[in-house]
N, C-alpha and C. Protein backbone atom coordinates (compact mmCIF):
# COMPACT_ATOMS: atom_id res chain seq x y z
N MET A 1 0.85 -1.20 0.00
CA MET A 1 0.00 0.00 0.00
C MET A 1 0.88 1.24 0.00
N THR A 2 0.61 2.18 -0.90
CA THR A 2 1.41 3.41 -0.96
C THR A 2 1.06 4.33 0.19
N PRO A 3 1.98 5.28 0.54
CA PRO A 3 1.68 6.23 1.63
C PRO A 3 0.39 6.99 1.42
N SER A 4 0.13 7.38 0.13
CA SER A 4 -1.08 8.17 -0.13
C SER A 4 -2.34 7.35 0.09
N SER A 5 -2.31 6.07 -0.34
CA SER A 5 -3.49 5.22 -0.15
C SER A 5 -3.70 4.90 1.31
N ALA A 6 -2.59 4.71 2.07
CA ALA A 6 -2.70 4.45 3.50
C ALA A 6 -3.32 5.64 4.21
N PHE A 7 -2.91 6.85 3.78
CA PHE A 7 -3.45 8.06 4.40
C PHE A 7 -4.93 8.19 4.12
N CYS A 8 -5.33 7.88 2.88
CA CYS A 8 -6.76 7.95 2.51
C CYS A 8 -7.58 6.95 3.30
N SER A 9 -7.01 5.76 3.52
CA SER A 9 -7.72 4.74 4.30
C SER A 9 -7.91 5.20 5.73
N ALA A 10 -6.87 5.82 6.28
CA ALA A 10 -6.97 6.32 7.65
C ALA A 10 -8.03 7.41 7.75
N LEU A 11 -8.09 8.27 6.73
CA LEU A 11 -9.10 9.32 6.72
C LEU A 11 -10.50 8.72 6.66
N LEU A 12 -10.65 7.65 5.90
CA LEU A 12 -11.96 7.01 5.80
C LEU A 12 -12.38 6.43 7.14
N VAL A 13 -11.43 5.79 7.83
CA VAL A 13 -11.73 5.25 9.17
C VAL A 13 -12.13 6.37 10.11
N ALA A 14 -11.38 7.48 10.06
CA ALA A 14 -11.70 8.61 10.94
C ALA A 14 -13.09 9.15 10.65
N ALA A 15 -13.43 9.26 9.37
CA ALA A 15 -14.75 9.78 9.02
C ALA A 15 -15.85 8.86 9.51
N LEU A 16 -15.65 7.55 9.40
CA LEU A 16 -16.65 6.60 9.88
C LEU A 16 -16.82 6.69 11.38
N VAL A 17 -15.69 6.80 12.09
CA VAL A 17 -15.75 6.85 13.55
C VAL A 17 -16.46 8.10 14.02
N CYS A 18 -16.14 9.23 13.39
CA CYS A 18 -16.70 10.50 13.84
C CYS A 18 -18.18 10.64 13.52
N GLY A 19 -18.69 9.82 12.63
CA GLY A 19 -20.10 9.91 12.29
C GLY A 19 -20.96 8.91 13.02
N LEU A 20 -20.43 8.31 14.07
CA LEU A 20 -21.17 7.24 14.73
C LEU A 20 -22.26 7.73 15.68
N ALA A 21 -22.08 8.92 16.27
CA ALA A 21 -23.06 9.36 17.26
C ALA A 21 -23.03 10.87 17.37
N PRO A 22 -24.14 11.50 17.76
CA PRO A 22 -24.20 12.95 17.91
C PRO A 22 -23.37 13.42 19.08
N ALA A 23 -22.62 14.51 18.89
CA ALA A 23 -21.68 14.97 19.91
C ALA A 23 -22.37 15.55 21.13
N GLN A 24 -23.52 16.23 20.94
CA GLN A 24 -24.10 16.93 22.07
C GLN A 24 -24.54 15.99 23.20
N SER A 25 -25.12 14.84 22.88
CA SER A 25 -25.56 13.91 23.92
C SER A 25 -24.38 13.24 24.58
N LEU A 26 -23.28 13.02 23.84
CA LEU A 26 -22.11 12.36 24.40
C LEU A 26 -21.42 13.24 25.42
N ALA A 27 -21.44 14.54 25.23
CA ALA A 27 -20.80 15.43 26.19
C ALA A 27 -21.47 15.32 27.55
N GLN A 28 -22.79 15.22 27.56
CA GLN A 28 -23.52 15.09 28.82
C GLN A 28 -23.16 13.78 29.51
N GLN A 29 -23.04 12.69 28.74
CA GLN A 29 -22.69 11.40 29.32
C GLN A 29 -21.32 11.44 29.96
N SER A 30 -20.33 12.02 29.26
CA SER A 30 -18.96 12.01 29.73
C SER A 30 -18.82 12.73 31.05
N HIS A 31 -19.48 13.89 31.19
CA HIS A 31 -19.32 14.69 32.40
C HIS A 31 -20.18 14.20 33.56
N SER A 32 -21.40 13.72 33.27
CA SER A 32 -22.31 13.35 34.35
C SER A 32 -21.96 12.01 34.98
N ARG A 33 -21.21 11.15 34.27
CA ARG A 33 -20.94 9.82 34.76
C ARG A 33 -19.48 9.63 35.16
N SER A 34 -18.74 10.69 35.35
CA SER A 34 -17.32 10.60 35.69
C SER A 34 -17.07 11.24 37.05
N GLU A 35 -16.41 10.50 37.94
CA GLU A 35 -16.08 11.04 39.25
C GLU A 35 -14.99 10.21 39.90
N ILE A 36 -14.27 10.83 40.82
CA ILE A 36 -13.28 10.14 41.65
C ILE A 36 -13.95 9.86 42.98
N THR A 37 -14.12 8.59 43.29
CA THR A 37 -14.87 8.20 44.48
C THR A 37 -13.98 7.99 45.70
N ASP A 38 -12.69 7.79 45.48
CA ASP A 38 -11.78 7.57 46.60
C ASP A 38 -10.39 8.05 46.20
N PHE A 39 -9.69 8.69 47.15
CA PHE A 39 -8.37 9.23 46.85
C PHE A 39 -7.54 9.19 48.13
N LYS A 40 -6.40 8.50 48.07
CA LYS A 40 -5.59 8.30 49.27
C LYS A 40 -4.11 8.48 48.95
N LEU A 41 -3.41 9.20 49.84
CA LEU A 41 -1.97 9.40 49.72
C LEU A 41 -1.30 8.85 50.97
N GLN A 42 -0.19 8.13 50.75
CA GLN A 42 0.52 7.52 51.87
C GLN A 42 2.01 7.73 51.71
N GLN A 43 2.64 8.31 52.73
CA GLN A 43 4.08 8.51 52.72
C GLN A 43 4.77 7.29 53.34
N THR A 44 5.66 6.66 52.56
CA THR A 44 6.39 5.49 53.03
C THR A 44 7.88 5.72 52.82
N THR A 45 8.68 4.75 53.23
CA THR A 45 10.12 4.87 53.02
C THR A 45 10.48 4.82 51.54
N ASP A 46 9.59 4.26 50.72
CA ASP A 46 9.84 4.19 49.28
C ASP A 46 9.43 5.46 48.55
N GLY A 47 8.63 6.28 49.18
CA GLY A 47 8.16 7.49 48.54
C GLY A 47 6.69 7.73 48.81
N LEU A 48 6.08 8.60 48.02
CA LEU A 48 4.66 8.93 48.18
C LEU A 48 3.84 8.02 47.28
N LEU A 49 2.90 7.28 47.89
CA LEU A 49 2.07 6.33 47.16
C LEU A 49 0.66 6.88 47.00
N LEU A 50 0.14 6.78 45.79
CA LEU A 50 -1.20 7.27 45.48
C LEU A 50 -2.11 6.09 45.16
N SER A 51 -3.27 6.05 45.79
CA SER A 51 -4.29 5.05 45.49
C SER A 51 -5.61 5.78 45.23
N THR A 52 -6.29 5.40 44.18
CA THR A 52 -7.54 6.07 43.86
C THR A 52 -8.50 5.13 43.15
N THR A 53 -9.78 5.42 43.31
CA THR A 53 -10.83 4.69 42.61
C THR A 53 -11.66 5.70 41.83
N MET A 54 -11.84 5.44 40.55
CA MET A 54 -12.60 6.34 39.69
C MET A 54 -13.85 5.63 39.17
N ARG A 55 -14.79 6.43 38.75
CA ARG A 55 -16.02 5.89 38.13
C ARG A 55 -16.29 6.68 36.86
N PHE A 56 -16.31 5.99 35.74
CA PHE A 56 -16.61 6.66 34.48
C PHE A 56 -17.13 5.65 33.47
N GLU A 57 -17.85 6.16 32.49
CA GLU A 57 -18.29 5.36 31.36
C GLU A 57 -17.67 5.95 30.10
N LEU A 58 -17.28 5.09 29.20
CA LEU A 58 -16.71 5.58 27.95
C LEU A 58 -17.78 6.27 27.12
N PRO A 59 -17.48 7.41 26.51
CA PRO A 59 -18.44 8.01 25.58
C PRO A 59 -18.80 7.00 24.48
N ASP A 60 -20.04 7.05 24.02
CA ASP A 60 -20.50 6.09 23.02
C ASP A 60 -19.61 6.08 21.78
N GLN A 61 -19.12 7.26 21.39
CA GLN A 61 -18.32 7.36 20.18
C GLN A 61 -16.98 6.64 20.36
N VAL A 62 -16.42 6.73 21.55
CA VAL A 62 -15.16 6.05 21.85
C VAL A 62 -15.39 4.53 21.87
N GLU A 63 -16.47 4.11 22.50
CA GLU A 63 -16.77 2.68 22.58
C GLU A 63 -17.02 2.09 21.19
N ASP A 64 -17.73 2.83 20.35
CA ASP A 64 -17.99 2.35 19.00
C ASP A 64 -16.69 2.19 18.21
N ALA A 65 -15.75 3.13 18.41
CA ALA A 65 -14.46 3.03 17.73
C ALA A 65 -13.71 1.81 18.20
N LEU A 66 -13.78 1.51 19.48
CA LEU A 66 -13.12 0.32 20.01
C LEU A 66 -13.68 -0.95 19.37
N TYR A 67 -14.99 -1.04 19.25
CA TYR A 67 -15.60 -2.22 18.66
C TYR A 67 -15.24 -2.37 17.18
N LYS A 68 -14.81 -1.29 16.55
CA LYS A 68 -14.36 -1.37 15.16
C LYS A 68 -12.88 -1.72 15.06
N GLY A 69 -12.24 -1.99 16.21
CA GLY A 69 -10.85 -2.42 16.19
C GLY A 69 -9.83 -1.31 16.33
N ILE A 70 -10.27 -0.10 16.69
CA ILE A 70 -9.35 1.03 16.87
C ILE A 70 -8.98 1.14 18.34
N ALA A 71 -7.70 0.99 18.67
CA ALA A 71 -7.25 1.06 20.05
C ALA A 71 -7.38 2.48 20.59
N MET A 72 -7.73 2.59 21.87
CA MET A 72 -7.85 3.87 22.54
C MET A 72 -6.80 3.96 23.65
N TYR A 73 -6.31 5.18 23.85
CA TYR A 73 -5.22 5.40 24.79
C TYR A 73 -5.68 6.33 25.91
N PHE A 74 -5.20 6.03 27.12
CA PHE A 74 -5.54 6.82 28.30
C PHE A 74 -4.25 7.08 29.08
N VAL A 75 -4.25 8.16 29.86
CA VAL A 75 -3.07 8.45 30.66
C VAL A 75 -3.49 9.00 32.01
N ALA A 76 -2.83 8.50 33.07
CA ALA A 76 -2.99 9.04 34.42
C ALA A 76 -1.73 9.85 34.71
N GLU A 77 -1.91 11.07 35.21
CA GLU A 77 -0.77 11.96 35.45
C GLU A 77 -0.82 12.49 36.88
N SER A 78 0.35 12.53 37.50
CA SER A 78 0.48 13.11 38.83
C SER A 78 1.62 14.13 38.80
N GLN A 79 1.36 15.28 39.40
CA GLN A 79 2.38 16.33 39.43
C GLN A 79 2.33 17.03 40.78
N ILE A 80 3.49 17.14 41.43
CA ILE A 80 3.58 17.84 42.71
C ILE A 80 4.26 19.18 42.48
N VAL A 81 3.59 20.23 42.90
CA VAL A 81 4.06 21.59 42.67
C VAL A 81 4.31 22.28 44.02
N ARG A 82 5.46 22.93 44.14
CA ARG A 82 5.78 23.69 45.36
C ARG A 82 5.63 25.18 45.06
N GLU A 83 4.87 25.87 45.92
CA GLU A 83 4.67 27.30 45.74
C GLU A 83 5.93 28.06 46.16
N ARG A 84 6.26 29.10 45.37
CA ARG A 84 7.41 29.95 45.69
C ARG A 84 6.99 31.41 45.54
N TRP A 85 7.12 32.19 46.60
CA TRP A 85 6.67 33.57 46.57
C TRP A 85 7.57 34.45 45.72
N TYR A 86 8.83 34.04 45.55
CA TYR A 86 9.80 34.86 44.85
C TYR A 86 9.94 34.51 43.37
N TRP A 87 9.25 33.46 42.94
CA TRP A 87 9.39 33.00 41.56
C TRP A 87 8.16 32.17 41.21
N SER A 88 8.13 31.65 39.99
CA SER A 88 7.00 30.79 39.61
C SER A 88 7.07 29.47 40.38
N ASP A 89 5.93 28.82 40.51
CA ASP A 89 5.88 27.55 41.25
C ASP A 89 6.80 26.52 40.60
N LYS A 90 7.35 25.63 41.43
CA LYS A 90 8.31 24.64 40.96
C LYS A 90 7.69 23.24 40.97
N VAL A 91 7.84 22.52 39.87
CA VAL A 91 7.40 21.12 39.80
C VAL A 91 8.50 20.26 40.43
N VAL A 92 8.18 19.59 41.53
CA VAL A 92 9.19 18.81 42.25
C VAL A 92 9.09 17.32 41.97
N ALA A 93 7.96 16.87 41.42
CA ALA A 93 7.82 15.44 41.09
C ALA A 93 6.73 15.29 40.02
N ARG A 94 6.97 14.34 39.13
CA ARG A 94 6.00 14.09 38.07
C ARG A 94 6.00 12.60 37.74
N ALA A 95 4.82 12.03 37.55
CA ALA A 95 4.71 10.61 37.20
C ALA A 95 3.54 10.43 36.23
N THR A 96 3.69 9.47 35.31
CA THR A 96 2.63 9.18 34.35
C THR A 96 2.44 7.67 34.22
N ARG A 97 1.23 7.29 33.92
CA ARG A 97 0.91 5.89 33.66
C ARG A 97 0.04 5.84 32.41
N HIS A 98 0.50 5.12 31.39
CA HIS A 98 -0.19 5.06 30.11
C HIS A 98 -0.95 3.73 29.99
N MET A 99 -2.13 3.79 29.38
CA MET A 99 -2.97 2.62 29.19
C MET A 99 -3.47 2.56 27.76
N ARG A 100 -3.47 1.37 27.20
CA ARG A 100 -4.00 1.15 25.85
C ARG A 100 -5.07 0.07 25.92
N LEU A 101 -6.27 0.43 25.48
CA LEU A 101 -7.40 -0.51 25.50
C LEU A 101 -7.76 -0.85 24.06
N SER A 102 -7.87 -2.15 23.77
CA SER A 102 -8.18 -2.56 22.40
C SER A 102 -9.13 -3.76 22.42
N TYR A 103 -9.81 -3.95 21.30
CA TYR A 103 -10.77 -5.05 21.14
C TYR A 103 -10.43 -5.83 19.88
N GLN A 104 -10.43 -7.15 20.00
CA GLN A 104 -10.17 -8.02 18.86
C GLN A 104 -11.50 -8.61 18.37
N PRO A 105 -12.03 -8.11 17.26
CA PRO A 105 -13.34 -8.59 16.78
C PRO A 105 -13.37 -10.10 16.51
N LEU A 106 -12.26 -10.69 16.07
CA LEU A 106 -12.26 -12.12 15.74
C LEU A 106 -12.39 -12.99 16.99
N THR A 107 -11.67 -12.61 18.04
CA THR A 107 -11.72 -13.40 19.27
C THR A 107 -12.74 -12.87 20.26
N ARG A 108 -13.24 -11.64 20.00
CA ARG A 108 -14.19 -10.97 20.88
C ARG A 108 -13.62 -10.83 22.30
N ARG A 109 -12.36 -10.51 22.36
CA ARG A 109 -11.71 -10.31 23.66
C ARG A 109 -11.10 -8.92 23.71
N TRP A 110 -11.01 -8.42 24.95
CA TRP A 110 -10.44 -7.10 25.20
C TRP A 110 -9.03 -7.26 25.74
N ARG A 111 -8.16 -6.31 25.40
CA ARG A 111 -6.80 -6.33 25.92
C ARG A 111 -6.47 -4.95 26.48
N LEU A 112 -5.95 -4.95 27.70
CA LEU A 112 -5.51 -3.72 28.35
C LEU A 112 -4.02 -3.81 28.63
N SER A 113 -3.27 -2.86 28.11
CA SER A 113 -1.83 -2.79 28.33
C SER A 113 -1.52 -1.53 29.12
N GLN A 114 -0.56 -1.63 30.04
CA GLN A 114 -0.17 -0.49 30.86
C GLN A 114 1.34 -0.32 30.80
N SER A 115 1.79 0.94 30.77
CA SER A 115 3.20 1.24 30.66
C SER A 115 3.51 2.58 31.32
N SER A 116 4.74 2.75 31.77
CA SER A 116 5.16 4.03 32.35
C SER A 116 5.58 5.02 31.27
N THR A 117 5.68 4.57 30.03
CA THR A 117 6.05 5.43 28.90
C THR A 117 5.01 5.30 27.80
N PRO A 118 4.91 6.29 26.91
CA PRO A 118 3.94 6.20 25.81
C PRO A 118 4.21 4.98 24.94
N PHE A 119 3.15 4.42 24.39
CA PHE A 119 3.27 3.26 23.52
C PHE A 119 3.81 3.70 22.15
N SER A 120 4.62 2.83 21.54
CA SER A 120 5.19 3.14 20.24
C SER A 120 4.75 2.11 19.22
N ASP A 121 4.79 2.49 17.95
CA ASP A 121 4.39 1.59 16.87
C ASP A 121 5.34 0.41 16.72
N THR A 122 6.58 0.58 17.21
CA THR A 122 7.56 -0.49 17.07
C THR A 122 7.33 -1.62 18.05
N GLY A 123 6.53 -1.34 19.11
CA GLY A 123 6.28 -2.37 20.10
C GLY A 123 7.37 -2.47 21.15
N LEU A 124 8.39 -1.59 21.04
CA LEU A 124 9.48 -1.61 22.00
C LEU A 124 9.03 -0.98 23.31
N GLY A 125 9.70 -1.32 24.39
CA GLY A 125 9.34 -0.79 25.70
C GLY A 125 8.71 -1.87 26.56
N VAL A 126 8.60 -1.57 27.85
CA VAL A 126 8.07 -2.52 28.80
C VAL A 126 6.62 -2.16 29.11
N SER A 127 5.72 -3.14 28.95
CA SER A 127 4.31 -2.92 29.27
C SER A 127 3.72 -4.19 29.83
N LEU A 128 2.69 -4.04 30.64
CA LEU A 128 1.97 -5.16 31.24
C LEU A 128 0.63 -5.29 30.54
N GLY A 129 0.34 -6.49 30.01
CA GLY A 129 -0.90 -6.69 29.27
C GLY A 129 -1.79 -7.73 29.92
N GLN A 130 -3.11 -7.49 29.86
CA GLN A 130 -4.10 -8.42 30.39
C GLN A 130 -5.24 -8.57 29.38
N ASN A 131 -5.81 -9.76 29.30
CA ASN A 131 -6.93 -10.03 28.41
C ASN A 131 -8.22 -10.21 29.21
N PHE A 132 -9.34 -9.77 28.63
CA PHE A 132 -10.63 -9.85 29.31
C PHE A 132 -11.71 -10.27 28.31
N ASP A 133 -12.72 -10.95 28.85
CA ASP A 133 -13.86 -11.34 28.02
C ASP A 133 -14.88 -10.22 27.90
N GLU A 134 -14.94 -9.34 28.90
CA GLU A 134 -15.94 -8.27 28.92
C GLU A 134 -15.27 -6.91 29.05
N LEU A 135 -15.86 -5.90 28.42
CA LEU A 135 -15.36 -4.54 28.51
C LEU A 135 -15.39 -4.04 29.95
N GLY A 136 -16.44 -4.37 30.68
CA GLY A 136 -16.57 -3.92 32.06
C GLY A 136 -15.44 -4.39 32.94
N ASP A 137 -14.91 -5.60 32.67
CA ASP A 137 -13.81 -6.11 33.47
C ASP A 137 -12.53 -5.31 33.21
N ALA A 138 -12.31 -4.94 31.96
CA ALA A 138 -11.14 -4.13 31.63
C ALA A 138 -11.25 -2.73 32.24
N LEU A 139 -12.45 -2.15 32.18
CA LEU A 139 -12.66 -0.82 32.76
C LEU A 139 -12.46 -0.83 34.27
N ALA A 140 -12.85 -1.92 34.92
CA ALA A 140 -12.68 -2.02 36.38
C ALA A 140 -11.21 -1.93 36.77
N ILE A 141 -10.33 -2.51 35.96
CA ILE A 141 -8.90 -2.42 36.23
C ILE A 141 -8.40 -1.00 35.99
N MET A 142 -8.86 -0.38 34.91
CA MET A 142 -8.46 0.98 34.60
C MET A 142 -8.89 1.97 35.67
N GLN A 143 -10.03 1.72 36.28
CA GLN A 143 -10.61 2.67 37.23
C GLN A 143 -10.02 2.59 38.63
N ARG A 144 -9.11 1.67 38.85
CA ARG A 144 -8.52 1.54 40.18
C ARG A 144 -6.99 1.58 40.08
N ILE A 145 -6.40 2.52 40.77
CA ILE A 145 -4.94 2.65 40.85
C ILE A 145 -4.54 2.41 42.29
N ALA A 146 -3.64 1.45 42.52
CA ALA A 146 -3.27 1.07 43.88
C ALA A 146 -1.77 1.28 44.12
N ARG A 147 -1.45 2.06 45.14
CA ARG A 147 -0.07 2.25 45.62
C ARG A 147 0.89 2.59 44.48
N TRP A 148 0.51 3.60 43.76
CA TRP A 148 1.34 4.11 42.66
C TRP A 148 2.37 5.08 43.24
N ASN A 149 3.65 4.81 43.04
CA ASN A 149 4.71 5.66 43.57
C ASN A 149 4.85 6.90 42.68
N VAL A 150 4.39 8.05 43.19
CA VAL A 150 4.38 9.27 42.39
C VAL A 150 5.48 10.25 42.78
N ALA A 151 6.23 9.95 43.84
CA ALA A 151 7.33 10.83 44.25
C ALA A 151 8.31 10.05 45.11
N GLU A 152 9.58 10.20 44.81
CA GLU A 152 10.61 9.55 45.61
C GLU A 152 10.90 10.38 46.85
N GLY A 153 11.30 9.72 47.94
CA GLY A 153 11.68 10.43 49.16
C GLY A 153 10.50 10.96 49.94
N ASP A 154 10.82 11.82 50.90
CA ASP A 154 9.83 12.38 51.82
C ASP A 154 9.33 13.71 51.30
N VAL A 155 8.04 13.82 51.04
CA VAL A 155 7.50 15.07 50.49
C VAL A 155 7.45 16.18 51.53
N PHE A 156 7.65 15.83 52.81
CA PHE A 156 7.58 16.83 53.87
C PHE A 156 8.96 17.34 54.30
N GLU A 157 10.03 16.85 53.67
CA GLU A 157 11.35 17.22 54.15
C GLU A 157 11.77 18.63 53.74
N ASP A 158 11.10 19.22 52.76
CA ASP A 158 11.40 20.58 52.34
C ASP A 158 10.31 21.54 52.81
N ASN A 159 10.69 22.73 53.16
CA ASN A 159 9.71 23.74 53.58
C ASN A 159 8.96 24.26 52.36
N GLY A 160 7.75 24.74 52.60
CA GLY A 160 6.97 25.30 51.51
C GLY A 160 5.68 24.55 51.29
N THR A 161 4.71 25.24 50.71
CA THR A 161 3.41 24.64 50.41
C THR A 161 3.50 23.83 49.13
N GLN A 162 3.05 22.58 49.20
CA GLN A 162 3.10 21.70 48.04
C GLN A 162 1.70 21.14 47.76
N THR A 163 1.37 21.05 46.49
CA THR A 163 0.07 20.54 46.06
C THR A 163 0.27 19.45 45.03
N LEU A 164 -0.48 18.36 45.18
CA LEU A 164 -0.46 17.28 44.19
C LEU A 164 -1.66 17.44 43.27
N HIS A 165 -1.39 17.47 41.98
CA HIS A 165 -2.44 17.55 40.96
C HIS A 165 -2.50 16.21 40.23
N PHE A 166 -3.67 15.59 40.22
CA PHE A 166 -3.86 14.31 39.55
C PHE A 166 -4.93 14.45 38.48
N ASN A 167 -4.70 13.84 37.33
CA ASN A 167 -5.77 13.79 36.34
C ASN A 167 -5.67 12.51 35.52
N PHE A 168 -6.81 12.06 35.05
CA PHE A 168 -6.94 10.89 34.20
C PHE A 168 -7.73 11.31 32.99
N ARG A 169 -7.21 10.99 31.79
CA ARG A 169 -7.87 11.49 30.58
C ARG A 169 -7.67 10.55 29.41
N LEU A 170 -8.52 10.72 28.42
CA LEU A 170 -8.35 10.07 27.14
C LEU A 170 -7.21 10.77 26.42
N ASP A 171 -6.21 10.01 25.96
CA ASP A 171 -5.02 10.59 25.35
C ASP A 171 -5.15 10.56 23.83
N MET A 172 -5.59 11.68 23.26
CA MET A 172 -5.79 11.76 21.82
C MET A 172 -4.48 11.83 21.06
N SER A 173 -3.38 12.20 21.72
CA SER A 173 -2.11 12.40 21.03
C SER A 173 -1.52 11.11 20.47
N GLN A 174 -1.96 9.95 20.99
CA GLN A 174 -1.41 8.69 20.51
C GLN A 174 -2.27 8.03 19.44
N LEU A 175 -3.38 8.66 19.08
CA LEU A 175 -4.21 8.13 18.00
C LEU A 175 -3.59 8.48 16.65
N PRO A 176 -3.96 7.76 15.58
CA PRO A 176 -3.46 8.12 14.25
C PRO A 176 -3.77 9.58 13.93
N ARG A 177 -2.84 10.24 13.26
CA ARG A 177 -2.97 11.67 13.00
C ARG A 177 -4.30 12.05 12.32
N PRO A 178 -4.75 11.33 11.30
CA PRO A 178 -6.04 11.70 10.69
C PRO A 178 -7.20 11.64 11.68
N LEU A 179 -7.16 10.68 12.59
CA LEU A 179 -8.23 10.57 13.58
C LEU A 179 -8.16 11.71 14.58
N GLN A 180 -6.94 12.14 14.94
CA GLN A 180 -6.79 13.29 15.83
C GLN A 180 -7.42 14.53 15.21
N LEU A 181 -7.15 14.76 13.93
CA LEU A 181 -7.66 15.95 13.26
C LEU A 181 -9.17 15.92 13.15
N SER A 182 -9.74 14.74 12.92
CA SER A 182 -11.18 14.65 12.71
C SER A 182 -11.97 14.76 14.01
N THR A 183 -11.31 14.63 15.17
CA THR A 183 -12.02 14.71 16.43
C THR A 183 -11.81 16.04 17.15
N VAL A 184 -11.07 16.96 16.55
CA VAL A 184 -10.82 18.26 17.16
C VAL A 184 -12.15 18.99 17.37
N GLY A 185 -12.37 19.44 18.60
CA GLY A 185 -13.57 20.20 18.92
C GLY A 185 -14.83 19.38 19.14
N ARG A 186 -14.72 18.07 19.03
CA ARG A 186 -15.89 17.20 19.22
C ARG A 186 -15.93 16.74 20.67
N THR A 187 -16.93 17.24 21.42
CA THR A 187 -17.01 16.94 22.85
C THR A 187 -17.32 15.48 23.12
N GLY A 188 -17.78 14.75 22.14
CA GLY A 188 -18.06 13.34 22.31
C GLY A 188 -16.82 12.50 22.59
N TRP A 189 -15.65 13.08 22.41
CA TRP A 189 -14.39 12.39 22.66
C TRP A 189 -13.76 12.86 23.96
N SER A 190 -14.49 13.55 24.79
CA SER A 190 -13.94 14.13 26.02
C SER A 190 -14.12 13.19 27.20
N LEU A 191 -13.01 12.92 27.90
CA LEU A 191 -13.05 12.15 29.14
C LEU A 191 -11.92 12.65 30.03
N MET A 192 -12.28 13.25 31.17
CA MET A 192 -11.28 13.82 32.06
C MET A 192 -11.77 13.78 33.50
N LEU A 193 -10.92 13.28 34.40
CA LEU A 193 -11.18 13.34 35.83
C LEU A 193 -9.95 13.95 36.48
N SER A 194 -10.15 14.80 37.50
CA SER A 194 -9.01 15.45 38.13
C SER A 194 -9.26 15.68 39.62
N ARG A 195 -8.17 15.80 40.35
CA ARG A 195 -8.22 16.08 41.80
C ARG A 195 -6.93 16.78 42.20
N SER A 196 -7.04 17.82 43.02
CA SER A 196 -5.88 18.53 43.55
C SER A 196 -5.93 18.45 45.07
N VAL A 197 -4.79 18.10 45.70
CA VAL A 197 -4.74 17.91 47.15
C VAL A 197 -3.52 18.64 47.71
N LEU A 198 -3.74 19.48 48.70
CA LEU A 198 -2.65 20.13 49.41
C LEU A 198 -1.98 19.10 50.31
N LEU A 199 -0.67 18.96 50.21
CA LEU A 199 0.04 17.94 50.96
C LEU A 199 0.33 18.42 52.38
N THR A 200 -0.42 17.87 53.32
CA THR A 200 -0.26 18.20 54.74
C THR A 200 -0.34 16.89 55.54
N SER A 201 -0.08 16.99 56.83
CA SER A 201 -0.15 15.81 57.68
C SER A 201 -1.57 15.27 57.77
N SER A 202 -2.57 16.05 57.45
CA SER A 202 -3.95 15.59 57.52
C SER A 202 -4.42 14.95 56.21
N THR A 203 -3.72 15.22 55.11
CA THR A 203 -4.11 14.65 53.82
C THR A 203 -3.20 13.51 53.37
N VAL A 204 -2.06 13.35 54.05
CA VAL A 204 -1.12 12.29 53.69
C VAL A 204 -0.88 11.39 54.88
N GLU A 205 -1.20 10.12 54.77
CA GLU A 205 -0.92 9.17 55.82
C GLU A 205 0.58 8.86 55.85
N THR A 206 1.10 8.60 57.04
CA THR A 206 2.52 8.31 57.19
C THR A 206 2.72 6.87 57.64
N SER A 207 3.56 6.16 56.88
CA SER A 207 3.87 4.78 57.21
C SER A 207 5.36 4.57 57.00
N LYS A 208 6.13 4.63 58.05
CA LYS A 208 7.58 4.51 57.98
C LYS A 208 8.02 3.07 58.15
């Protein structure tokens, strides 16, 4: 297949995906059914551990794309910021967790892969993969993060106010370029959950 024909095929897939459902109703679904139900931070000798439970449903347009064999990417991000009165705030720790969810129409099975780095087309890199018979089982794994090390060392050892910002979102940047362009501005592809916590002795459990 020539580059031009491959590009045209990708455009056709993008057009089909984007025409699957009306955007206005999907926006309501994405926002009304997404929430963080539990959020816990624990300081240990290994560092700061984050555990959280989320509740969300995939927008219909995203789910339809998955059933057509198009993999979807998600990313969980944690960032600790220290306030500085004399300069701009400083990022003191950052961690990311990437997830790829895909469906195999022939086997009718779901596969969820997780990695600390973005997925590449070459398949290189370290990732953990699991197979599931039902979409709900794969989503249940995605919605729970347990004891994720988001910062090395003791977050209380330096003076200053520090805040942890967490968010979980659909990562459009890893989709094929034609599909990225065709979904710009379409709220039916929106999925975002976030939480910000001031790091104090009352919000962070200590376990030495």
